[in-house]
PDB file of N, CA and C in Angstrom:
ATOM      1  N   MET A   1      -4.181 -12.009  -4.512  1.00  0.00           N
ATOM      2  CA  MET A   1      -3.824 -11.102  -3.486  1.00  0.00           C
ATOM      3  C   MET A   1      -2.757 -10.055  -3.632  1.00  0.00           C
ATOM      4  N   TRP A   2      -1.827 -10.586  -4.906  1.00  0.00           N
ATOM      5  CA  TRP A   2      -0.697 -10.102  -4.976  1.00  0.00           C
ATOM      6  C   TRP A   2      -1.237  -8.632  -5.848  1.00  0.00           C
ATOM      7  N   LEU A   3      -1.903  -8.641  -6.318  1.00  0.00           N
ATOM      8  CA  LEU A   3      -2.783  -7.581  -6.934  1.00  0.00           C
ATOM      9  C   LEU A   3      -2.902  -6.477  -5.917  1.00  0.00           C
ATOM     10  N   ARG A   4      -3.891  -6.825  -4.900  1.00  0.00           N
ATOM     11  CA  ARG A   4      -4.261  -5.843  -3.667  1.00  0.00           C
ATOM     12  C   ARG A   4      -2.794  -5.253  -3.227  1.00  0.00           C
ATOM     13  N   PHE A   5      -2.042  -6.095  -2.880  1.00  0.00           N
ATOM     14  CA  PHE A   5      -0.714  -5.841  -2.276  1.00  0.00           C
ATOM     15  C   PHE A   5       0.035  -4.468  -3.141  1.00  0.00           C
ATOM     16  N   VAL A   6       0.035  -4.645  -4.006  1.00  0.00           N
ATOM     17  CA  VAL A   6       0.841  -3.973  -5.016  1.00  0.00           C
ATOM     18  C   VAL A   6       0.215  -2.583  -5.316  1.00  0.00           C
ATOM     19  N   VAL A   7      -1.403  -2.527  -5.699  1.00  0.00           N
ATOM     20  CA  VAL A   7      -2.363  -1.703  -5.893  1.00  0.00           C
ATOM     21  C   VAL A   7      -2.239  -0.604  -4.473  1.00  0.00           C
ATOM     22  N   SER A   8      -2.502  -1.032  -3.054  1.00  0.00           N
ATOM     23  CA  SER A   8      -2.293  -0.745  -2.150  1.00  0.00           C
ATOM     24  C   SER A   8      -1.315  -0.174  -2.109  1.00  0.00           C
ATOM     25  N   THR A   9      -0.085  -0.643  -2.181  1.00  0.00           N
ATOM     26  CA  THR A   9       1.405   0.051  -1.877  1.00  0.00           C
ATOM     27  C   THR A   9       1.488   0.981  -3.211  1.00  0.00           C
ATOM     28  N   VAL A  10       1.001   1.110  -4.421  1.00  0.00           N
ATOM     29  CA  VAL A  10       0.997   2.042  -5.354  1.00  0.00           C
ATOM     30  C   VAL A  10       0.407   3.299  -4.596  1.00  0.00           C
ATOM     31  N   VAL A  11      -0.881   3.000  -4.277  1.00  0.00           N
ATOM     32  CA  VAL A  11      -1.561   4.221  -3.695  1.00  0.00           C
ATOM     33  C   VAL A  11      -1.254   5.053  -2.692  1.00  0.00           C
ATOM     34  N   GLY A  12      -0.913   4.111  -1.840  1.00  0.00           N
ATOM     35  CA  GLY A  12      -0.599   4.146  -0.453  1.00  0.00           C
ATOM     36  C   GLY A  12       1.120   4.897  -0.062  1.00  0.00           C
ATOM     37  N   GLU A  13       1.809   4.350  -0.773  1.00  0.00           N
ATOM     38  CA  GLU A  13       3.034   4.620  -0.615  1.00  0.00           C
ATOM     39  C   GLU A  13       3.302   6.249  -1.220  1.00  0.00           C
ATOM     40  N   GLY A  14       2.507   6.571  -2.421  1.00  0.00           N
ATOM     41  CA  GLY A  14       2.608   7.416  -3.725  1.00  0.00           C
ATOM     42  C   GLY A  14       2.088   8.675  -2.502  1.00  0.00           C
ATOM     43  N   LEU A  15       0.848   8.480  -1.650  1.00  0.00           N
ATOM     44  CA  LEU A  15       0.336   9.546  -1.295  1.00  0.00           C
ATOM     45  C   LEU A  15       1.451   9.821   0.020  1.00  0.00           C
ATOM     46  N   ASN A  16       2.010   8.627   0.839  1.00  0.00           N
ATOM     47  CA  ASN A  16       2.554   9.094   1.837  1.00  0.00           C
ATOM     48  C   ASN A  16       4.050   9.340   1.333  1.00  0.00           C
ATOM     49  N   THR A  17       4.478   9.177   0.174  1.00  0.00           N
ATOM     50  CA  THR A  17       5.792   9.973  -0.368  1.00  0.00           C
ATOM     51  C   THR A  17       5.560  11.448  -0.692  1.00  0.00           C
ATOM     52  N   LEU A  18       4.331  11.801  -1.204  1.00  0.00           N
ATOM     53  CA  LEU A  18       4.032  12.986  -1.695  1.00  0.00           C
ATOM     54  C   LEU A  18       3.912  13.996  -0.759  1.00  0.00           C
ATOM     55  N   ILE A  19       3.078  13.547   0.600  1.00  0.00           N
ATOM     56  CA  ILE A  19       2.909  14.205   1.688  1.00  0.00           C
ATOM     57  C   ILE A  19       4.095  14.622   2.874  1.00  0.00           C
ATOM     58  N   PHE A  20       4.633  13.360   2.901  1.00  0.00           N
ATOM     59  CA  PHE A  20       6.155  13.606   3.362  1.00  0.00           C
ATOM     60  C   PHE A  20       6.899  14.284   2.814  1.00  0.00           C
ATOM     61  N   TYR A  21       7.426  13.943   1.734  1.00  0.00           N
ATOM     62  CA  TYR A  21       8.321  14.836   0.782  1.00  0.00           C
ATOM     63  C   TYR A  21       8.043  16.606   0.888  1.00  0.00           C
ATOM     64  N   GLY A  22       6.628  16.644   0.578  1.00  0.00           N
ATOM     65  CA  GLY A  22       6.277  17.848   0.699  1.00  0.00           C
ATOM     66  C   GLY A  22       6.506  18.907   1.662  1.00  0.00           C
ATOM     67  N   ILE A  23       6.174  18.287   2.780  1.00  0.00           N
ATOM     68  CA  ILE A  23       6.222  18.840   3.668  1.00  0.00           C
ATOM     69  C   ILE A  23       7.826  18.975   4.412  1.00  0.00           C
ATOM     70  N   ALA A  24       8.407  17.823   4.519  1.00  0.00           N
ATOM     71  CA  ALA A  24       9.852  18.163   5.236  1.00  0.00           C
ATOM     72  C   ALA A  24      10.673  18.295   3.693  1.00  0.00           C
ATOM     73  N   LEU A  25      10.201  18.746   2.418  1.00  0.00           N
ATOM     74  CA  LEU A  25      11.684  19.108   1.739  1.00  0.00           C
ATOM     75  C   LEU A  25      11.117  20.491   1.010  1.00  0.00           C
ATOM     76  N   TYR A  26       9.777  20.559   1.249  1.00  0.00           N
ATOM     77  CA  TYR A  26       9.432  21.780   0.194  1.00  0.00           C
ATOM     78  C   TYR A  26       9.902  23.101   0.635  1.00  0.00           C
ATOM     79  N   GLY A  27      10.757  24.036  -0.597  1.00  0.00           N
ATOM     80  CA  GLY A  27      11.725  24.894   0.232  1.00  0.00           C
ATOM     81  C   GLY A  27      12.955  24.759   0.313  1.00  0.00           C
ATOM     82  N   ILE A  28      13.403  23.516   0.642  1.00  0.00           N
ATOM     83  CA  ILE A  28      14.493  23.126   1.119  1.00  0.00           C
ATOM     84  C   ILE A  28      15.659  22.645  -0.541  1.00  0.00           C
ATOM     85  N   LEU A  29      14.678  21.797  -1.246  1.00  0.00           N
ATOM     86  CA  LEU A  29      15.158  21.279  -2.281  1.00  0.00           C
ATOM     87  C   LEU A  29      14.147  22.216  -3.770  1.00  0.00           C
ATOM     88  N   PRO A  30      14.879  22.321  -4.641  1.00  0.00           N
ATOM     89  CA  PRO A  30      14.469  22.839  -5.986  1.00  0.00           C
ATOM     90  C   PRO A  30      13.010  22.056  -6.388  1.00  0.00           C
ATOM     91  N   ASN A  31      12.138  22.618  -6.921  1.00  0.00           N
ATOM     92  CA  ASN A  31      11.059  22.041  -7.496  1.00  0.00           C
ATOM     93  C   ASN A  31      11.076  21.265  -8.137  1.00  0.00           C
ATOM     94  N   HIS A  32      12.170  21.059  -9.196  1.00  0.00           N
ATOM     95  CA  HIS A  32      12.295  19.947  -9.977  1.00  0.00           C
ATOM     96  C   HIS A  32      12.858  18.789  -9.172  1.00  0.00           C
ATOM     97  N   LEU A  33      13.711  19.212  -8.597  1.00  0.00           N
ATOM     98  CA  LEU A  33      14.584  17.795  -7.819  1.00  0.00           C
ATOM     99  C   LEU A  33      13.760  17.342  -6.518  1.00  0.00           C
ATOM    100  N   LEU A  34      12.742  17.873  -6.336  1.00  0.00           N
ATOM    101  CA  LEU A  34      11.705  17.384  -5.323  1.00  0.00           C
ATOM    102  C   LEU A  34      10.797  16.497  -5.811  1.00  0.00           C
ATOM    103  N   LEU A  35      10.236  16.938  -7.446  1.00  0.00           N
ATOM    104  CA  LEU A  35       9.267  16.195  -7.982  1.00  0.00           C
ATOM    105  C   LEU A  35       9.838  14.673  -8.343  1.00  0.00           C
ATOM    106  N   GLN A  36      11.291  14.606  -8.762  1.00  0.00           N
ATOM    107  CA  GLN A  36      12.109  13.818  -9.074  1.00  0.00           C
ATOM    108  C   GLN A  36      12.236  12.532  -7.532  1.00  0.00           C
ATOM    109  N   SER A  37      12.195  13.428  -6.727  1.00  0.00           N
ATOM    110  CA  SER A  37      12.834  12.977  -5.153  1.00  0.00           C
ATOM    111  C   SER A  37      11.716  12.056  -5.052  1.00  0.00           C
ATOM    112  N   ILE A  38      10.508  12.639  -4.987  1.00  0.00           N
ATOM    113  CA  ILE A  38       8.997  11.916  -4.981  1.00  0.00           C
ATOM    114  C   ILE A  38       9.008  10.760  -6.104  1.00  0.00           C
ATOM    115  N   LEU A  39       9.254  11.154  -6.931  1.00  0.00           N
ATOM    116  CA  LEU A  39       8.927   9.806  -8.038  1.00  0.00           C
ATOM    117  C   LEU A  39       9.922   9.053  -7.943  1.00  0.00           C
ATOM    118  N   LEU A  40      10.935   8.973  -7.527  1.00  0.00           N
ATOM    119  CA  LEU A  40      11.993   8.093  -7.469  1.00  0.00           C
ATOM    120  C   LEU A  40      11.745   7.188  -5.781  1.00  0.00           C
ATOM    121  N   GLY A  41      11.332   7.792  -4.573  1.00  0.00           N
ATOM    122  CA  GLY A  41      10.804   7.390  -3.596  1.00  0.00           C
ATOM    123  C   GLY A  41       9.768   6.755  -3.882  1.00  0.00           C
ATOM    124  N   TRP A  42       8.603   6.888  -4.674  1.00  0.00           N
ATOM    125  CA  TRP A  42       7.358   6.193  -4.998  1.00  0.00           C
ATOM    126  C   TRP A  42       7.999   4.773  -5.080  1.00  0.00           C
ATOM    127  N   ALA A  43       8.731   4.917  -6.227  1.00  0.00           N
ATOM    128  CA  ALA A  43       9.113   3.947  -7.398  1.00  0.00           C
ATOM    129  C   ALA A  43       9.720   2.844  -6.606  1.00  0.00           C
ATOM    130  N   ILE A  44      10.482   3.027  -5.698  1.00  0.00           N
ATOM    131  CA  ILE A  44      11.556   2.573  -5.035  1.00  0.00           C
ATOM    132  C   ILE A  44      10.657   1.417  -3.771  1.00  0.00           C
ATOM    133  N   LYS A  45       9.754   2.648  -3.572  1.00  0.00           N
ATOM    134  CA  LYS A  45       8.710   1.650  -2.500  1.00  0.00           C
ATOM    135  C   LYS A  45       8.037   0.317  -2.824  1.00  0.00           C
ATOM    136  N   THR A  46       7.758   0.896  -4.228  1.00  0.00           N
ATOM    137  CA  THR A  46       6.677  -0.131  -5.197  1.00  0.00           C
ATOM    138  C   THR A  46       7.508  -1.328  -5.514  1.00  0.00           C
ATOM    139  N   VAL A  47       8.667  -0.997  -6.006  1.00  0.00           N
ATOM    140  CA  VAL A  47       9.791  -2.250  -6.592  1.00  0.00           C
ATOM    141  C   VAL A  47       9.744  -3.018  -5.048  1.00  0.00           C
ATOM    142  N   VAL A  48      10.395  -2.436  -4.032  1.00  0.00           N
ATOM    143  CA  VAL A  48      10.228  -3.615  -2.862  1.00  0.00           C
ATOM    144  C   VAL A  48       9.124  -3.894  -2.458  1.00  0.00           C
ATOM    145  N   GLU A  49       8.205  -3.568  -2.817  1.00  0.00           N
ATOM    146  CA  GLU A  49       7.018  -4.581  -2.108  1.00  0.00           C
ATOM    147  C   GLU A  49       6.809  -5.554  -3.296  1.00  0.00           C
ATOM    148  N   ILE A  50       7.069  -5.390  -4.506  1.00  0.00           N
ATOM    149  CA  ILE A  50       6.997  -6.390  -5.416  1.00  0.00           C
ATOM    150  C   ILE A  50       8.205  -7.695  -5.390  1.00  0.00           C
ATOM    151  N   VAL A  51       9.526  -7.083  -5.129  1.00  0.00           N
ATOM    152  CA  VAL A  51      10.438  -7.734  -4.650  1.00  0.00           C
ATOM    153  C   VAL A  51       9.836  -8.925  -3.717  1.00  0.00           C
ATOM    154  N   MET A  52       9.344  -8.263  -2.667  1.00  0.00           N
ATOM    155  CA  MET A  52       8.824  -8.757  -1.250  1.00  0.00           C
ATOM    156  C   MET A  52       7.698  -9.785  -1.269  1.00  0.00           C
ATOM    157  N   LEU A  53       7.084  -9.705  -2.505  1.00  0.00           N
ATOM    158  CA  LEU A  53       5.926 -10.459  -2.416  1.00  0.00           C
ATOM    159  C   LEU A  53       6.167 -12.010  -2.214  1.00  0.00           C
ATOM    160  N   PRO A  54       7.019 -12.707  -3.089  1.00  0.00           N
ATOM    161  CA  PRO A  54       7.172 -14.235  -2.372  1.00  0.00           C
ATOM    162  C   PRO A  54       7.594 -14.339  -0.766  1.00  0.00           C
ATOM    163  N   VAL A  55       8.029 -13.027  -0.195  1.00  0.00           N
ATOM    164  CA  VAL A  55       8.104 -13.180   1.561  1.00  0.00           C
ATOM    165  C   VAL A  55       6.963 -13.056   2.001  1.00  0.00           C
ATOM    166  N   THR A  56       6.239 -11.924   1.525  1.00  0.00           N
ATOM    167  CA  THR A  56       4.724 -11.652   2.349  1.00  0.00           C
ATOM    168  C   THR A  56       3.645 -13.109   2.284  1.00  0.00           C
ATOM    169  N   TYR A  57       3.511 -14.145   1.054  1.00  0.00           N
ATOM    170  CA  TYR A  57       2.665 -15.065   0.984  1.00  0.00           C
ATOM    171  C   TYR A  57       2.785 -15.542   2.175  1.00  0.00           C
ATOM    172  N   PRO A  58       4.181 -16.195   2.260  1.00  0.00           N
ATOM    173  CA  PRO A  58       3.923 -17.167   3.770  1.00  0.00           C
ATOM    174  C   PRO A  58       3.722 -16.731   4.727  1.00  0.00           C
ATOM    175  N   ILE A  59       4.180 -15.463   4.749  1.00  0.00           N
ATOM    176  CA  ILE A  59       3.925 -14.574   6.372  1.00  0.00           C
ATOM    177  C   ILE A  59       2.508 -14.308   6.569  1.00  0.00           C
ATOM    178  N   VAL A  60       1.599 -14.340   5.548  1.00  0.00           N
ATOM    179  CA  VAL A  60       0.018 -13.647   5.518  1.00  0.00           C
ATOM    180  C   VAL A  60      -0.685 -15.291   5.612  1.00  0.00           C
ATOM    181  N   ARG A  61       0.033 -16.188   5.130  1.00  0.00           N
ATOM    182  CA  ARG A  61      -0.526 -17.621   5.326  1.00  0.00           C
ATOM    183  C   ARG A  61      -0.423 -18.217   6.655  1.00  0.00           C
ATOM    184  N   PHE A  62       0.773 -17.822   7.123  1.00  0.00           N
ATOM    185  CA  PHE A  62       1.206 -18.435   8.762  1.00  0.00           C
ATOM    186  C   PHE A  62       0.043 -17.340   9.804  1.00  0.00           C
ATOM    187  N   LEU A  63      -0.019 -16.174   9.422  1.00  0.00           N
ATOM    188  CA  LEU A  63      -1.050 -15.652  10.424  1.00  0.00           C
ATOM    189  C   LEU A  63      -2.207 -15.635  10.368  1.00  0.00           C
ATOM    190  N   LYS A  64      -2.915 -15.992   9.045  1.00  0.00           N
ATOM    191  CA  LYS A  64      -4.321 -16.225   8.757  1.00  0.00           C
ATOM    192  C   LYS A  64      -4.420 -17.539   9.843  1.00  0.00           C
ATOM    193  N   LYS A  65      -3.506 -18.634   9.886  1.00  0.00           N
ATOM    194  CA  LYS A  65      -3.522 -20.193  10.489  1.00  0.00           C
ATOM    195  C   LYS A  65      -3.120 -19.444  11.756  1.00  0.00           C
ATOM    196  N   VAL A  66      -2.655 -18.643  12.167  1.00  0.00           N
ATOM    197  CA  VAL A  66      -2.367 -18.846  13.820  1.00  0.00           C
ATOM    198  C   VAL A  66      -3.176 -18.354  14.139  1.00  0.00           C
ATOM    199  N   GLU A  67      -4.108 -16.976  13.800  1.00  0.00           N
ATOM    200  CA  GLU A  67      -5.473 -15.893  13.720  1.00  0.00           C
ATOM    201  C   GLU A  67      -6.666 -16.725  13.720  1.00  0.00           C
ATOM    202  N   GLY A  68      -6.856 -18.148  12.826  1.00  0.00           N
ATOM    203  CA  GLY A  68      -7.782 -18.958  12.826  1.00  0.00           C
ATOM    204  C   GLY A  68      -9.268 -18.130  12.238  1.00  0.00           C
ATOM    205  N   VAL A  69      -8.596 -17.018  11.849  1.00  0.00           N
ATOM    206  CA  VAL A  69      -9.857 -15.996  11.277  1.00  0.00           C
ATOM    207  C   VAL A  69      -9.336 -15.743   9.968  1.00  0.00           C
ATOM    208  N   ASP A  70     -10.632 -15.854   9.047  1.00  0.00           N
ATOM    209  CA  ASP A  70     -10.106 -15.342   7.563  1.00  0.00           C
ATOM    210  C   ASP A  70     -11.588 -14.958   6.813  1.00  0.00           C
ATOM    211  N   TYR A  71     -12.167 -14.343   7.800  1.00  0.00           N
ATOM    212  CA  TYR A  71     -13.476 -13.199   7.212  1.00  0.00           C
ATOM    213  C   TYR A  71     -13.399 -12.307   6.175  1.00  0.00           C
ATOM    214  N   TYR A  72     -12.060 -11.566   6.122  1.00  0.00           N
ATOM    215  CA  TYR A  72     -11.541 -10.723   5.140  1.00  0.00           C
ATOM    216  C   TYR A  72     -11.881 -11.069   3.553  1.00  0.00           C
ATOM    217  N   ASP A  73     -11.856 -12.394   3.324  1.00  0.00           N
ATOM    218  CA  ASP A  73     -11.725 -12.838   2.252  1.00  0.00           C
ATOM    219  C   ASP A  73     -13.283 -13.659   2.064  1.00  0.00           C
ATOM    220  N   TYR A  74     -14.003 -13.907   2.938  1.00  0.00           N
ATOM    221  CA  TYR A  74     -15.186 -14.853   2.658  1.00  0.00           C
ATOM    222  C   TYR A  74     -16.678 -14.131   3.240  1.00  0.00           C
ATOM    223  N   LYS A  75     -17.490 -13.909   2.279  1.00  0.00           N
ATOM    224  CA  LYS A  75     -18.816 -13.060   2.428  1.00  0.00           C
ATOM    225  C   LYS A  75     -18.553 -11.871   2.950  1.00  0.00           C
ATOM    226  N   THR A  76     -17.593 -11.270   2.722  1.00  0.00           N
ATOM    227  CA  THR A  76     -17.392  -9.767   2.797  1.00  0.00           C
ATOM    228  C   THR A  76     -17.668  -8.878   1.872  1.00  0.00           C
ATOM    229  N   ASP A  77     -18.414  -7.866   1.838  1.00  0.00           N
ATOM    230  CA  ASP A  77     -18.764  -6.528   0.804  1.00  0.00           C
ATOM    231  C   ASP A  77     -18.038  -5.487   0.945  1.00  0.00           C
ATOM    232  N   PHE A  78     -16.883  -5.483   0.323  1.00  0.00           N
ATOM    233  CA  PHE A  78     -15.959  -4.429   0.468  1.00  0.00           C
ATOM    234  C   PHE A  78     -16.575  -3.016  -0.219  1.00  0.00           C
ATOM    235  N   ASN A  79     -17.689  -3.046  -0.632  1.00  0.00           N
ATOM    236  CA  ASN A  79     -18.180  -1.750  -1.536  1.00  0.00           C
ATOM    237  C   ASN A  79     -18.529  -0.820  -0.537  1.00  0.00           C
ATOM    238  N   PRO A  80     -18.107   0.131  -1.042  1.00  0.00           N
ATOM    239  CA  PRO A  80     -18.345   1.387   0.337  1.00  0.00           C
ATOM    240  C   PRO A  80     -19.491   2.125  -0.078  1.00  0.00           C
ATOM    241  N   PHE A  81     -20.209   1.803  -1.116  1.00  0.00           N
ATOM    242  CA  PHE A  81     -21.474   2.362  -1.658  1.00  0.00           C
ATOM    243  C   PHE A  81     -22.581   1.741  -1.527  1.00  0.00           C
ATOM    244  N   THR A  82     -22.355   0.584  -0.905  1.00  0.00           N
ATOM    245  CA  THR A  82     -23.958  -0.275  -0.852  1.00  0.00           C
ATOM    246  C   THR A  82     -24.386   0.482   0.485  1.00  0.00           C
ATOM    247  N   THR A  83     -25.956   0.073   0.404  1.00  0.00           N
ATOM    248  CA  THR A  83     -26.833   0.830   1.218  1.00  0.00           C
ATOM    249  C   THR A  83     -27.496  -0.217   2.367  1.00  0.00           C
ATOM    250  N   ASP A  84     -26.759  -1.586   1.681  1.00  0.00           N
ATOM    251  CA  ASP A  84     -27.369  -2.553   2.554  1.00  0.00           C
ATOM    252  C   ASP A  84     -26.404  -3.055   3.371  1.00  0.00           C
ATOM    253  N   ARG A  85     -26.165  -3.174   4.527  1.00  0.00           N
ATOM    254  CA  ARG A  85     -25.016  -3.543   5.480  1.00  0.00           C
ATOM    255  C   ARG A  85     -25.467  -4.797   5.978  1.00  0.00           C
ATOM    256  N   VAL A  86     -24.770  -5.724   6.384  1.00  0.00           N
ATOM    257  CA  VAL A  86     -24.747  -7.066   7.183  1.00  0.00           C
ATOM    258  C   VAL A  86     -23.971  -6.722   8.323  1.00  0.00           C
ATOM    259  N   ASN A  87     -24.689  -6.824   9.507  1.00  0.00           N
ATOM    260  CA  ASN A  87     -24.360  -6.849  10.883  1.00  0.00           C
ATOM    261  C   ASN A  87     -23.343  -8.343  11.232  1.00  0.00           C
TER     262      ASN A  87
END
């Protein structure tokens, strides 16, 4: 699960930071500073996710117990390219 959390953060926050900073700060900051800001923001968000993993695990465990549903982890095909869908 930790790998899924970290990879999703790297990809998601990378795109989020790139788009947000690109729209909000393009033309305001010099390009080299804009690039540095994007990379630093992306790195900080990723480090925060890694540091918060010990807190995230008990929260996920609690939510799964309260919901009583864990169908995401069992008998689920996450392959977006498969043609055989199970209803």
